[in-house]
Amino acid sequence: MVWGLVAPTACKVTQRCCDRDFPRPHPPKPCQPGRHQETNDVAPLTREPSCKGEARIGQQGTLTRLWAEQGSRPAAPRDCRYAWAYLFGAVCPARGVGAGLVLPTADKPMMTLHLEEISRHVAPGAHAILLLDGAGWHTAGGKLRVPDNITLLRLPRYAPELSPVENIWAFLRSNNLSNRVFSTYNDIVHACANAWNWLIAQPERIASIASRPWAHVKQ
């Protein structure tokens, strides 16, 4: 089930929330002959590496700072239940585009689904450098299938803050996913999808939040 294709350059967010035991995805199809030019030229890189990550969004929620009268103590809702979903997101700040999925778990089969979604959004004829942290499901091999037009570039250990996508999560939590109570798992999924699609419809905002001077690639 596809959740809202906002614009031609926006990503789609796929809901996979009702069945936690859906079939394992098939590996990507091999490259077709003639897909790439048979020359020694290197396929052009995207102008800036893409970056990806995952955010766990759940009923425990996020509390943020609020505007209030000086001296007052405003109240904010807080849930004590433990349902959650995972928002897988990747953005390319240079192009202002992204690809996201809302998934029930964070593991290699789910990561493979997201890589396939990212692969479909890489510019034609380009090869994406995908910056990510050292989570176990980001490690190539085994159940993880990496498409031919993506190369994974892992950050140093204990430095997840170097990933520009962390700013995306902080922004969405502060502006769309905070100070709320989610009654059901489906409510969490819908909230994540709405927040992501709202952000992806604003390419200039993606560039502003996620651009990092040190992450540029020399053409």
C-alpha atoms as a PDB file:
ATOM      1  CA  MET A   1       0.000   0.000   0.000  1.00  0.00           C
ATOM      2  CA  VAL A   2       1.524   3.314  -1.069  1.00  0.00           C
ATOM      3  CA  TRP A   3       1.127   6.328   1.130  1.00  0.00           C
ATOM      4  CA  GLY A   4       0.876   9.567  -0.848  1.00  0.00           C
ATOM      5  CA  LEU A   5       3.196  10.424  -3.699  1.00  0.00           C
ATOM      6  CA  VAL A   6       3.378  14.126  -2.982  1.00  0.00           C
ATOM      7  CA  ALA A   7       5.167  15.418  -6.093  1.00  0.00           C
ATOM      8  CA  PRO A   8       7.213  14.047  -9.012  1.00  0.00           C
ATOM      9  CA  THR A   9      10.450  14.719  -7.116  1.00  0.00           C
ATOM     10  CA  ALA A  10       9.111  13.571  -3.756  1.00  0.00           C
ATOM     11  CA  CYS A  11       9.591  10.133  -2.343  1.00  0.00           C
ATOM     12  CA  LYS A  12       6.837   7.722  -1.524  1.00  0.00           C
ATOM     13  CA  VAL A  13       6.384   6.337   1.947  1.00  0.00           C
ATOM     14  CA  THR A  14       5.213   2.740   1.923  1.00  0.00           C
ATOM     15  CA  GLN A  15       3.093   1.531   4.817  1.00  0.00           C
ATOM     16  CA  ARG A  16       4.028  -1.909   6.079  1.00  0.00           C
ATOM     17  CA  CYS A  17       2.280  -1.751   9.400  1.00  0.00           C
ATOM     18  CA  CYS A  18      -0.501  -4.325   9.526  1.00  0.00           C
ATOM     19  CA  ASP A  19       1.482  -7.526   9.013  1.00  0.00           C
ATOM     20  CA  ARG A  20       4.807  -7.925  10.808  1.00  0.00           C
ATOM     21  CA  ASP A  21       5.465 -11.246   9.047  1.00  0.00           C
ATOM     22  CA  PHE A  22       5.202 -10.169   5.428  1.00  0.00           C
ATOM     23  CA  PRO A  23       7.326 -12.143   2.914  1.00  0.00           C
ATOM     24  CA  ARG A  24      11.024 -11.482   2.688  1.00  0.00           C
ATOM     25  CA  PRO A  25      11.833  -9.238  -0.298  1.00  0.00           C
ATOM     26  CA  HIS A  26      13.335 -10.709  -3.431  1.00  0.00           C
ATOM     27  CA  PRO A  27      16.920  -9.713  -4.242  1.00  0.00           C
ATOM     28  CA  PRO A  28      17.253  -6.949  -6.832  1.00  0.00           C
ATOM     29  CA  LYS A  29      17.367  -7.959 -10.469  1.00  0.00           C
ATOM     30  CA  PRO A  30      20.851  -8.090 -12.042  1.00  0.00           C
ATOM     31  CA  CYS A  31      21.931  -5.241 -14.288  1.00  0.00           C
ATOM     32  CA  GLN A  32      20.600  -5.504 -17.817  1.00  0.00           C
ATOM     33  CA  PRO A  33      23.144  -5.523 -20.674  1.00  0.00           C
ATOM     34  CA  GLY A  34      23.627  -2.071 -22.081  1.00  0.00           C
ATOM     35  CA  ARG A  35      22.385  -0.336 -18.966  1.00  0.00           C
ATOM     36  CA  HIS A  36      25.773   1.318 -18.508  1.00  0.00           C
ATOM     37  CA  GLN A  37      28.075   2.394 -21.300  1.00  0.00           C
ATOM     38  CA  GLU A  38      30.795  -0.104 -22.029  1.00  0.00           C
ATOM     39  CA  THR A  39      33.598   2.391 -21.574  1.00  0.00           C
ATOM     40  CA  ASN A  40      36.243   3.140 -18.997  1.00  0.00           C
ATOM     41  CA  ASP A  41      34.437   6.317 -17.955  1.00  0.00           C
ATOM     42  CA  VAL A  42      33.344   6.398 -14.331  1.00  0.00           C
ATOM     43  CA  ALA A  43      29.643   7.024 -13.824  1.00  0.00           C
ATOM     44  CA  PRO A  44      29.126  10.563 -12.478  1.00  0.00           C
ATOM     45  CA  LEU A  45      28.620  10.843  -8.755  1.00  0.00           C
ATOM     46  CA  THR A  46      25.826  12.812  -7.210  1.00  0.00           C
ATOM     47  CA  ARG A  47      27.115  16.301  -6.370  1.00  0.00           C
ATOM     48  CA  GLU A  48      26.985  15.507  -2.681  1.00  0.00           C
ATOM     49  CA  PRO A  49      26.794  12.156  -0.908  1.00  0.00           C
ATOM     50  CA  SER A  50      23.377  11.034   0.158  1.00  0.00           C
ATOM     51  CA  CYS A  51      22.859  10.112   3.778  1.00  0.00           C
ATOM     52  CA  LYS A  52      20.457   7.740   5.450  1.00  0.00           C
ATOM     53  CA  GLY A  53      19.362   6.651   8.869  1.00  0.00           C
ATOM     54  CA  GLU A  54      16.465   5.356  10.899  1.00  0.00           C
ATOM     55  CA  ALA A  55      14.363   6.984  13.587  1.00  0.00           C
ATOM     56  CA  ARG A  56      12.235   5.056  16.058  1.00  0.00           C
ATOM     57  CA  ILE A  57       8.937   6.839  16.574  1.00  0.00           C
ATOM     58  CA  GLY A  58       6.586   5.519  19.234  1.00  0.00           C
ATOM     59  CA  GLN A  59       4.035   6.072  21.932  1.00  0.00           C
ATOM     60  CA  GLN A  60       6.638   7.164  24.461  1.00  0.00           C
ATOM     61  CA  GLY A  61       6.904  10.285  22.346  1.00  0.00           C
ATOM     62  CA  THR A  62       9.174  13.316  22.417  1.00  0.00           C
ATOM     63  CA  LEU A  63       8.763  16.395  24.606  1.00  0.00           C
ATOM     64  CA  THR A  64      10.145  19.667  23.268  1.00  0.00           C
ATOM     65  CA  ARG A  65      10.489  23.257  24.412  1.00  0.00           C
ATOM     66  CA  LEU A  66       7.356  25.389  24.118  1.00  0.00           C
ATOM     67  CA  TRP A  67       6.543  29.067  24.032  1.00  0.00           C
ATOM     68  CA  ALA A  68       4.715  29.950  27.262  1.00  0.00           C
ATOM     69  CA  GLU A  69       4.130  32.834  29.614  1.00  0.00           C
ATOM     70  CA  GLN A  70       7.128  33.560  31.802  1.00  0.00           C
ATOM     71  CA  GLY A  71       6.855  31.790  35.132  1.00  0.00           C
ATOM     72  CA  SER A  72       4.264  29.263  33.921  1.00  0.00           C
ATOM     73  CA  ARG A  73       4.707  25.504  33.573  1.00  0.00           C
ATOM     74  CA  PRO A  74       2.802  24.333  30.462  1.00  0.00           C
ATOM     75  CA  ALA A  75       1.578  20.751  30.402  1.00  0.00           C
ATOM     76  CA  ALA A  76       2.368  18.309  27.580  1.00  0.00           C
ATOM     77  CA  PRO A  77       0.882  14.857  26.931  1.00  0.00           C
ATOM     78  CA  ARG A  78       2.972  11.789  27.678  1.00  0.00           C
ATOM     79  CA  ASP A  79       2.114   8.168  26.944  1.00  0.00           C
ATOM     80  CA  CYS A  80       3.384   5.152  28.880  1.00  0.00           C
ATOM     81  CA  ARG A  81       2.767   2.485  26.218  1.00  0.00           C
ATOM     82  CA  TYR A  82       5.460   0.921  24.065  1.00  0.00           C
ATOM     83  CA  ALA A  83       4.291   0.577  20.435  1.00  0.00           C
ATOM     84  CA  TRP A  84       6.600   2.073  17.821  1.00  0.00           C
ATOM     85  CA  ALA A  85       7.534   2.087  14.142  1.00  0.00           C
ATOM     86  CA  TYR A  86      10.752   2.859  12.316  1.00  0.00           C
ATOM     87  CA  LEU A  87      11.047   5.686   9.820  1.00  0.00           C
ATOM     88  CA  PHE A  88      13.785   4.807   7.315  1.00  0.00           C
ATOM     89  CA  GLY A  89      14.864   7.943   5.485  1.00  0.00           C
ATOM     90  CA  ALA A  90      17.553   9.035   3.058  1.00  0.00           C
ATOM     91  CA  VAL A  91      18.115  12.466   1.512  1.00  0.00           C
ATOM     92  CA  CYS A  92      20.387  14.034  -1.060  1.00  0.00           C
ATOM     93  CA  PRO A  93      20.833  17.667   0.050  1.00  0.00           C
ATOM     94  CA  ALA A  94      22.322  18.725  -3.288  1.00  0.00           C
ATOM     95  CA  ARG A  95      19.219  17.645  -5.225  1.00  0.00           C
ATOM     96  CA  GLY A  96      16.677  18.207  -2.452  1.00  0.00           C
ATOM     97  CA  VAL A  97      15.143  14.744  -2.824  1.00  0.00           C
ATOM     98  CA  GLY A  98      14.674  11.781  -0.545  1.00  0.00           C
ATOM     99  CA  ALA A  99      13.323   8.264  -0.185  1.00  0.00           C
ATOM    100  CA  GLY A 100      11.549   6.991   2.904  1.00  0.00           C
ATOM    101  CA  LEU A 101       9.738   3.926   4.206  1.00  0.00           C
ATOM    102  CA  VAL A 102       7.834   3.359   7.433  1.00  0.00           C
ATOM    103  CA  LEU A 103       8.637  -0.180   8.577  1.00  0.00           C
ATOM    104  CA  PRO A 104       7.881  -2.329  11.649  1.00  0.00           C
ATOM    105  CA  THR A 105      11.462  -3.361  12.489  1.00  0.00           C
ATOM    106  CA  ALA A 106      15.042  -2.272  11.879  1.00  0.00           C
ATOM    107  CA  ASP A 107      17.004  -5.188  10.419  1.00  0.00           C
ATOM    108  CA  LYS A 108      18.706  -6.262   7.184  1.00  0.00           C
ATOM    109  CA  PRO A 109      15.548  -7.331   5.292  1.00  0.00           C
ATOM    110  CA  MET A 110      14.005  -3.928   6.045  1.00  0.00           C
ATOM    111  CA  MET A 111      17.270  -2.201   5.128  1.00  0.00           C
ATOM    112  CA  THR A 112      17.229  -4.055   1.789  1.00  0.00           C
ATOM    113  CA  LEU A 113      13.748  -2.697   1.094  1.00  0.00           C
ATOM    114  CA  HIS A 114      14.947   0.819   1.798  1.00  0.00           C
ATOM    115  CA  LEU A 115      18.030   0.471  -0.406  1.00  0.00           C
ATOM    116  CA  GLU A 116      15.788  -0.636  -3.262  1.00  0.00           C
ATOM    117  CA  GLU A 117      13.624   2.450  -2.710  1.00  0.00           C
ATOM    118  CA  ILE A 118      16.698   4.718  -2.617  1.00  0.00           C
ATOM    119  CA  SER A 119      18.040   3.100  -5.797  1.00  0.00           C
ATOM    120  CA  ARG A 120      14.921   4.156  -7.681  1.00  0.00           C
ATOM    121  CA  HIS A 121      15.532   7.803  -6.723  1.00  0.00           C
ATOM    122  CA  VAL A 122      19.212   8.030  -7.729  1.00  0.00           C
ATOM    123  CA  ALA A 123      19.673  10.384 -10.697  1.00  0.00           C
ATOM    124  CA  PRO A 124      19.861   8.522 -14.035  1.00  0.00           C
ATOM    125  CA  GLY A 125      23.451   7.656 -14.897  1.00  0.00           C
ATOM    126  CA  ALA A 126      24.680   8.574 -11.425  1.00  0.00           C
ATOM    127  CA  HIS A 127      26.135   6.506  -8.604  1.00  0.00           C
ATOM    128  CA  ALA A 128      25.097   7.390  -5.043  1.00  0.00           C
ATOM    129  CA  ILE A 129      27.539   7.466  -2.139  1.00  0.00           C
ATOM    130  CA  LEU A 130      25.327   6.634   0.838  1.00  0.00           C
ATOM    131  CA  LEU A 131      26.640   7.892   4.174  1.00  0.00           C
ATOM    132  CA  LEU A 132      25.449   5.879   7.185  1.00  0.00           C
ATOM    133  CA  ASP A 133      26.428   4.903  10.703  1.00  0.00           C
ATOM    134  CA  GLY A 134      27.682   1.541  11.936  1.00  0.00           C
ATOM    135  CA  ALA A 135      24.364  -0.080  12.865  1.00  0.00           C
ATOM    136  CA  GLY A 136      24.411  -3.864  12.489  1.00  0.00           C
ATOM    137  CA  TRP A 137      21.811  -3.859   9.704  1.00  0.00           C
ATOM    138  CA  HIS A 138      23.989  -1.419   7.684  1.00  0.00           C
ATOM    139  CA  THR A 139      26.710  -4.053   7.254  1.00  0.00           C
ATOM    140  CA  ALA A 140      26.926  -5.515   3.752  1.00  0.00           C
ATOM    141  CA  GLY A 141      26.703  -9.243   3.258  1.00  0.00           C
ATOM    142  CA  GLY A 142      24.296 -11.913   4.426  1.00  0.00           C
ATOM    143  CA  LYS A 143      20.688 -10.786   4.077  1.00  0.00           C
ATOM    144  CA  LEU A 144      21.590  -7.242   2.966  1.00  0.00           C
ATOM    145  CA  ARG A 145      21.451  -6.630  -0.795  1.00  0.00           C
ATOM    146  CA  VAL A 146      23.043  -3.419  -2.076  1.00  0.00           C
ATOM    147  CA  PRO A 147      21.853  -2.171  -5.506  1.00  0.00           C
ATOM    148  CA  ASP A 148      24.452  -1.611  -8.227  1.00  0.00           C
ATOM    149  CA  ASN A 149      24.013   2.190  -8.250  1.00  0.00           C
ATOM    150  CA  ILE A 150      24.722   2.617  -4.520  1.00  0.00           C
ATOM    151  CA  THR A 151      27.953   2.422  -2.520  1.00  0.00           C
ATOM    152  CA  LEU A 152      27.780   2.366   1.280  1.00  0.00           C
ATOM    153  CA  LEU A 153      30.181   4.673   3.141  1.00  0.00           C
ATOM    154  CA  ARG A 154      30.182   4.117   6.895  1.00  0.00           C
ATOM    155  CA  LEU A 155      31.028   6.816   9.394  1.00  0.00           C
ATOM    156  CA  PRO A 156      33.740   6.388  12.061  1.00  0.00           C
ATOM    157  CA  ARG A 157      32.703   4.575  15.208  1.00  0.00           C
ATOM    158  CA  TYR A 158      30.900   6.448  17.970  1.00  0.00           C
ATOM    159  CA  ALA A 159      30.232   9.438  15.724  1.00  0.00           C
ATOM    160  CA  PRO A 160      26.601   9.226  14.541  1.00  0.00           C
ATOM    161  CA  GLU A 161      26.318  13.008  14.872  1.00  0.00           C
ATOM    162  CA  LEU A 162      28.450  13.318  11.719  1.00  0.00           C
ATOM    163  CA  SER A 163      25.535  12.053   9.646  1.00  0.00           C
ATOM    164  CA  PRO A 164      23.529  14.989   8.213  1.00  0.00           C
ATOM    165  CA  VAL A 165      20.344  12.913   8.399  1.00  0.00           C
ATOM    166  CA  GLU A 166      20.420  13.245  12.209  1.00  0.00           C
ATOM    167  CA  ASN A 167      19.390  16.865  11.720  1.00  0.00           C
ATOM    168  CA  ILE A 168      16.412  15.651   9.704  1.00  0.00           C
ATOM    169  CA  TRP A 169      15.244  13.483  12.607  1.00  0.00           C
ATOM    170  CA  ALA A 170      15.709  16.306  15.111  1.00  0.00           C
ATOM    171  CA  PHE A 171      13.718  18.657  12.886  1.00  0.00           C
ATOM    172  CA  LEU A 172      10.834  16.216  12.372  1.00  0.00           C
ATOM    173  CA  ARG A 173      10.661  15.337  16.057  1.00  0.00           C
ATOM    174  CA  SER A 174      10.567  18.994  17.047  1.00  0.00           C
ATOM    175  CA  ASN A 175       8.062  20.165  14.449  1.00  0.00           C
ATOM    176  CA  ASN A 176       5.830  17.205  13.568  1.00  0.00           C
ATOM    177  CA  LEU A 177       6.197  14.281  15.954  1.00  0.00           C
ATOM    178  CA  SER A 178       6.498  15.816  19.427  1.00  0.00           C
ATOM    179  CA  ASN A 179       4.046  16.473  22.269  1.00  0.00           C
ATOM    180  CA  ARG A 180       1.559  13.958  20.859  1.00  0.00           C
ATOM    181  CA  VAL A 181      -0.168  10.778  21.958  1.00  0.00           C
ATOM    182  CA  PHE A 182      -0.586   7.979  19.402  1.00  0.00           C
ATOM    183  CA  SER A 183      -3.561   5.751  20.192  1.00  0.00           C
ATOM    184  CA  THR A 184      -2.579   2.870  17.900  1.00  0.00           C
ATOM    185  CA  TYR A 185       0.329   1.562  15.848  1.00  0.00           C
ATOM    186  CA  ASN A 186      -1.412   2.736  12.690  1.00  0.00           C
ATOM    187  CA  ASP A 187      -1.544   6.261  14.102  1.00  0.00           C
ATOM    188  CA  ILE A 188       2.246   6.190  14.464  1.00  0.00           C
ATOM    189  CA  VAL A 189       2.671   5.032  10.866  1.00  0.00           C
ATOM    190  CA  HIS A 190       0.344   7.719   9.510  1.00  0.00           C
ATOM    191  CA  ALA A 191       2.113  10.419  11.548  1.00  0.00           C
ATOM    192  CA  CYS A 192       5.547   9.327  10.273  1.00  0.00           C
ATOM    193  CA  ALA A 193       4.328   9.218   6.660  1.00  0.00           C
ATOM    194  CA  ASN A 194       2.706  12.645   6.900  1.00  0.00           C
ATOM    195  CA  ALA A 195       5.791  14.189   8.508  1.00  0.00           C
ATOM    196  CA  TRP A 196       8.157  12.728   5.904  1.00  0.00           C
ATOM    197  CA  ASN A 197       5.996  13.690   2.919  1.00  0.00           C
ATOM    198  CA  TRP A 198       5.621  17.212   4.310  1.00  0.00           C
ATOM    199  CA  LEU A 199       9.406  17.571   4.500  1.00  0.00           C
ATOM    200  CA  ILE A 200      10.129  15.991   1.105  1.00  0.00           C
ATOM    201  CA  ALA A 201       7.757  18.448  -0.580  1.00  0.00           C
ATOM    202  CA  GLN A 202      10.230  21.221   0.407  1.00  0.00           C
ATOM    203  CA  PRO A 203      13.562  20.622  -1.396  1.00  0.00           C
ATOM    204  CA  GLU A 204      15.049  23.902  -0.182  1.00  0.00           C
ATOM    205  CA  ARG A 205      14.403  22.907   3.432  1.00  0.00           C
ATOM    206  CA  ILE A 206      16.172  19.571   2.950  1.00  0.00           C
ATOM    207  CA  ALA A 207      19.217  21.381   1.553  1.00  0.00           C
ATOM    208  CA  SER A 208      19.194  23.846   4.454  1.00  0.00           C
ATOM    209  CA  ILE A 209      18.936  21.203   7.169  1.00  0.00           C
ATOM    210  CA  ALA A 210      21.176  18.460   5.800  1.00  0.00           C
ATOM    211  CA  SER A 211      23.937  20.205   3.778  1.00  0.00           C
ATOM    212  CA  ARG A 212      27.439  19.841   5.209  1.00  0.00           C
ATOM    213  CA  PRO A 213      30.520  21.507   3.613  1.00  0.00           C
ATOM    214  CA  TRP A 214      32.791  18.612   4.519  1.00  0.00           C
ATOM    215  CA  ALA A 215      30.539  16.113   2.733  1.00  0.00           C
ATOM    216  CA  HIS A 216      30.924  17.504  -0.813  1.00  0.00           C
ATOM    217  CA  VAL A 217      32.293  15.220  -3.529  1.00  0.00           C
ATOM    218  CA  LYS A 218      34.793  16.532  -6.067  1.00  0.00           C
ATOM    219  CA  GLN A 219      33.484  15.868  -9.565  1.00  0.00           C
END
